[in-house]
Amino acid sequence: MNKFKGTKGLIIVLALILLVVGYYYYLSNRHNARSEDNVKVTPAQEVLLTNYEVNYPPTPKEVVKSYLDITKVLHNEDLTDEEVEAVGLKLEELFDKELAENKSDEDYLKDLKSELTSFKSNDYSIVNYYTSSSTEVDYYTADGFELSRLYGTYNIRTSSGTQILTEVFVLRKDENGRWKIYGWQPVTTDETE
């Protein structure tokens, strides 16, 4: 009978070891399955996930940087028409109310799609971009509004090399204290100096 108890005890110990190893294997594979479920977010989805109601850029420089980020996504990524519209409307959230009201959403999106078609048909792409440093932002008041002016510069790859495009942005502080893009225009190199 002692032999039977020894064999029975050994079987119980082995069964417990197998259960522990099996449970460890289960937990290890369950964790790996979860990490495989992580979905890669596209640049367009990343833009669309930004909630400007909660997390609006705090400074003129950050607003222009957000504008340049979104512009790069629009110009460099292969987007569906629906994505272009959604990202274009997200970009419009950075615009001053007066600027946004200059065109209907339909006309704005039509012009945006036309610009993107032209850009891509020339096989251009935005390589990188940068804004004025925080100390180079010009703050001033006009017509009772707080305004700021700064530059955004794109390096654009073309078939013949690299082209530099600099734009001057004017931002106006709205009633909620948020800096909104009031307008922009391309500038020549000597205008930035």
Protein backbone atom coordinates (compact mmCIF):
# COMPACT_ATOMS: atom_id res chain seq x y z
CA MET A 1 0.00 0.00 0.00
CA ASN A 2 2.87 2.43 0.62
CA LYS A 3 3.94 1.84 -2.95
CA PHE A 4 0.49 2.86 -4.16
CA LYS A 5 0.53 6.05 -2.03
CA GLY A 6 3.97 6.98 -3.40
CA THR A 7 2.87 6.43 -6.99
CA LYS A 8 -0.44 8.19 -6.38
CA GLY A 9 1.36 11.14 -4.78
CA LEU A 10 3.80 11.32 -7.67
CA ILE A 11 0.93 11.36 -10.18
CA ILE A 12 -0.83 14.14 -8.24
CA VAL A 13 2.39 16.21 -8.11
CA LEU A 14 2.98 15.71 -11.85
CA ALA A 15 -0.63 16.65 -12.59
CA LEU A 16 -0.27 19.84 -10.54
CA ILE A 17 2.99 20.70 -12.34
CA LEU A 18 1.28 20.15 -15.71
CA LEU A 19 -1.62 22.36 -14.63
CA VAL A 20 0.75 25.17 -13.56
CA VAL A 21 2.76 24.90 -16.81
CA GLY A 22 -0.46 24.79 -18.86
CA TYR A 23 -1.87 27.85 -17.08
CA TYR A 24 1.42 29.74 -17.61
CA TYR A 25 1.33 28.83 -21.33
CA TYR A 26 -2.31 30.00 -21.54
CA LEU A 27 -1.50 33.35 -19.90
CA SER A 28 1.56 33.85 -22.12
CA ASN A 29 -0.38 33.23 -25.32
CA ARG A 30 -3.32 35.33 -24.20
CA HIS A 31 -0.97 38.32 -23.71
CA ASN A 32 0.59 37.78 -27.16
CA ALA A 33 -2.85 37.64 -28.76
CA ARG A 34 -3.71 40.98 -27.15
CA SER A 35 -0.57 42.67 -28.45
CA GLU A 36 -1.32 41.32 -31.96
CA ASP A 37 -4.74 42.97 -31.72
CA ASN A 38 -3.11 46.41 -31.54
CA VAL A 39 -4.12 48.16 -34.72
CA LYS A 40 -1.73 50.49 -36.47
CA VAL A 41 -3.26 53.95 -36.78
CA THR A 42 -2.77 55.67 -40.13
CA PRO A 43 -1.67 59.32 -40.23
CA ALA A 44 -5.19 60.31 -41.39
CA GLN A 45 -6.79 58.40 -38.51
CA GLU A 46 -4.37 60.04 -36.11
CA VAL A 47 -5.50 63.47 -37.34
CA LEU A 48 -9.15 62.49 -37.04
CA LEU A 49 -8.66 61.22 -33.49
CA THR A 50 -7.46 64.66 -32.37
CA ASN A 51 -10.13 66.35 -30.27
CA TYR A 52 -9.66 70.10 -30.56
CA GLU A 53 -12.54 70.74 -28.16
CA VAL A 54 -10.49 69.15 -25.38
CA ASN A 55 -6.91 69.50 -26.61
CA TYR A 56 -6.61 72.67 -28.68
CA PRO A 57 -3.03 73.87 -29.41
CA PRO A 58 -2.19 76.54 -26.80
CA THR A 59 0.07 78.86 -28.81
CA PRO A 60 0.14 80.34 -32.33
CA LYS A 61 3.24 78.25 -33.07
CA GLU A 62 1.46 75.03 -32.05
CA VAL A 63 -1.62 75.94 -34.12
CA VAL A 64 0.52 76.48 -37.22
CA LYS A 65 2.44 73.27 -36.48
CA SER A 66 -0.89 71.39 -36.33
CA TYR A 67 -1.90 73.01 -39.63
CA LEU A 68 1.40 71.92 -41.21
CA ASP A 69 1.04 68.37 -39.79
CA ILE A 70 -2.42 68.02 -41.31
CA THR A 71 -1.33 69.60 -44.59
CA LYS A 72 1.48 67.05 -44.88
CA VAL A 73 -0.98 64.20 -44.31
CA LEU A 74 -3.34 65.60 -46.97
CA HIS A 75 -0.57 66.07 -49.52
CA ASN A 76 1.55 62.96 -48.90
CA GLU A 77 -0.86 60.17 -47.99
CA ASP A 78 -3.04 58.17 -50.38
CA LEU A 79 -6.44 59.08 -48.99
CA THR A 80 -9.92 58.17 -50.13
CA ASP A 81 -12.31 61.01 -51.00
CA GLU A 82 -14.05 60.45 -47.67
CA GLU A 83 -10.75 60.70 -45.78
CA VAL A 84 -9.79 63.88 -47.66
CA GLU A 85 -13.13 65.42 -46.69
CA ALA A 86 -12.86 64.35 -43.04
CA VAL A 87 -9.22 65.49 -42.69
CA GLY A 88 -9.99 68.72 -44.59
CA LEU A 89 -12.82 69.51 -42.19
CA LYS A 90 -10.53 68.72 -39.24
CA LEU A 91 -8.05 71.24 -40.68
CA GLU A 92 -10.85 73.80 -40.88
CA GLU A 93 -11.29 73.52 -37.10
CA LEU A 94 -8.06 75.53 -36.82
CA PHE A 95 -9.52 78.38 -38.91
CA ASP A 96 -10.94 81.60 -37.53
CA LYS A 97 -14.73 81.69 -37.83
CA GLU A 98 -14.52 84.54 -40.35
CA LEU A 99 -12.08 82.60 -42.55
CA ALA A 100 -14.16 79.42 -42.37
CA GLU A 101 -17.30 81.34 -43.36
CA ASN A 102 -15.63 82.73 -46.53
CA LYS A 103 -16.53 79.51 -48.36
CA SER A 104 -19.14 76.85 -47.94
CA ASP A 105 -17.80 73.45 -46.86
CA GLU A 106 -18.67 72.17 -50.34
CA ASP A 107 -16.59 74.86 -52.10
CA TYR A 108 -13.75 74.54 -49.59
CA LEU A 109 -13.52 70.76 -50.09
CA LYS A 110 -13.80 71.11 -53.89
CA ASP A 111 -10.86 73.58 -53.91
CA LEU A 112 -8.88 71.36 -51.53
CA LYS A 113 -9.36 68.28 -53.72
CA SER A 114 -8.34 70.27 -56.80
CA GLU A 115 -5.16 71.47 -55.06
CA LEU A 116 -4.31 67.92 -53.94
CA THR A 117 -4.88 66.52 -57.44
CA SER A 118 -2.54 69.13 -58.92
CA PHE A 119 0.10 68.54 -56.23
CA LYS A 120 0.06 64.77 -56.70
CA SER A 121 -0.10 64.88 -60.51
CA ASN A 122 3.20 66.79 -60.42
CA ASP A 123 4.61 64.03 -58.19
CA TYR A 124 5.42 66.48 -55.38
CA SER A 125 5.70 65.51 -51.73
CA ILE A 126 6.31 67.46 -48.55
CA VAL A 127 9.65 66.28 -47.17
CA ASN A 128 9.51 68.29 -43.96
CA TYR A 129 8.35 71.61 -42.53
CA TYR A 130 9.03 73.96 -39.68
CA THR A 131 7.61 77.08 -38.09
CA SER A 132 9.08 80.25 -36.67
CA SER A 133 10.58 79.82 -33.24
CA SER A 134 8.41 80.93 -30.34
CA THR A 135 10.54 84.06 -29.93
CA GLU A 136 9.93 85.03 -33.58
CA VAL A 137 6.15 85.19 -33.25
CA ASP A 138 4.99 88.77 -33.74
CA TYR A 139 2.08 89.68 -31.40
CA TYR A 140 0.03 92.82 -32.03
CA THR A 141 -3.44 94.33 -31.72
CA ALA A 142 -5.62 95.58 -34.58
CA ASP A 143 -9.30 96.57 -34.65
CA GLY A 144 -9.65 95.45 -31.04
CA PHE A 145 -8.37 91.90 -31.74
CA GLU A 146 -5.23 90.17 -30.49
CA LEU A 147 -3.30 88.93 -33.52
CA SER A 148 -0.07 87.08 -34.15
CA ARG A 149 2.09 86.58 -37.20
CA LEU A 150 4.59 83.81 -37.89
CA TYR A 151 6.07 81.79 -40.72
CA GLY A 152 5.66 78.20 -41.81
CA THR A 153 8.12 76.71 -44.28
CA TYR A 154 7.79 73.53 -46.34
CA ASN A 155 10.54 71.64 -48.11
CA ILE A 156 8.85 70.09 -51.13
CA ARG A 157 10.40 67.31 -53.19
CA THR A 158 9.86 67.85 -56.91
CA SER A 159 11.07 65.97 -59.95
CA SER A 160 13.88 68.51 -60.30
CA GLY A 161 14.99 68.63 -56.66
CA THR A 162 13.76 70.38 -53.56
CA GLN A 163 11.70 73.54 -53.47
CA ILE A 164 11.16 75.74 -50.41
CA LEU A 165 7.76 77.32 -49.84
CA THR A 166 7.36 79.82 -47.01
CA GLU A 167 3.99 81.17 -45.94
CA VAL A 168 3.17 83.88 -43.46
CA PHE A 169 0.28 83.02 -41.13
CA VAL A 170 -1.87 85.52 -39.27
CA LEU A 171 -3.78 84.17 -36.28
CA ARG A 172 -6.50 85.87 -34.29
CA LYS A 173 -7.47 85.06 -30.71
CA ASP A 174 -11.15 84.11 -30.50
CA GLU A 175 -13.66 84.71 -27.70
CA ASN A 176 -12.51 81.45 -26.02
CA GLY A 177 -8.86 82.56 -25.96
CA ARG A 178 -7.86 80.16 -28.75
CA TRP A 179 -5.53 81.24 -31.53
CA LYS A 180 -7.24 80.58 -34.86
CA ILE A 181 -5.77 80.92 -38.34
CA TYR A 182 -7.12 84.15 -39.79
CA GLY A 183 -5.27 83.82 -43.09
CA TRP A 184 -1.99 83.01 -44.80
CA GLN A 185 -0.15 83.73 -48.02
CA PRO A 186 3.08 82.68 -49.72
CA VAL A 187 6.02 85.03 -49.26
CA THR A 188 9.24 85.58 -51.11
CA THR A 189 12.57 84.88 -49.43
CA ASP A 190 13.39 88.58 -48.87
CA GLU A 191 10.02 89.11 -47.10
CA THR A 192 11.03 86.65 -44.36
CA GLU A 193 14.27 88.41 -43.51
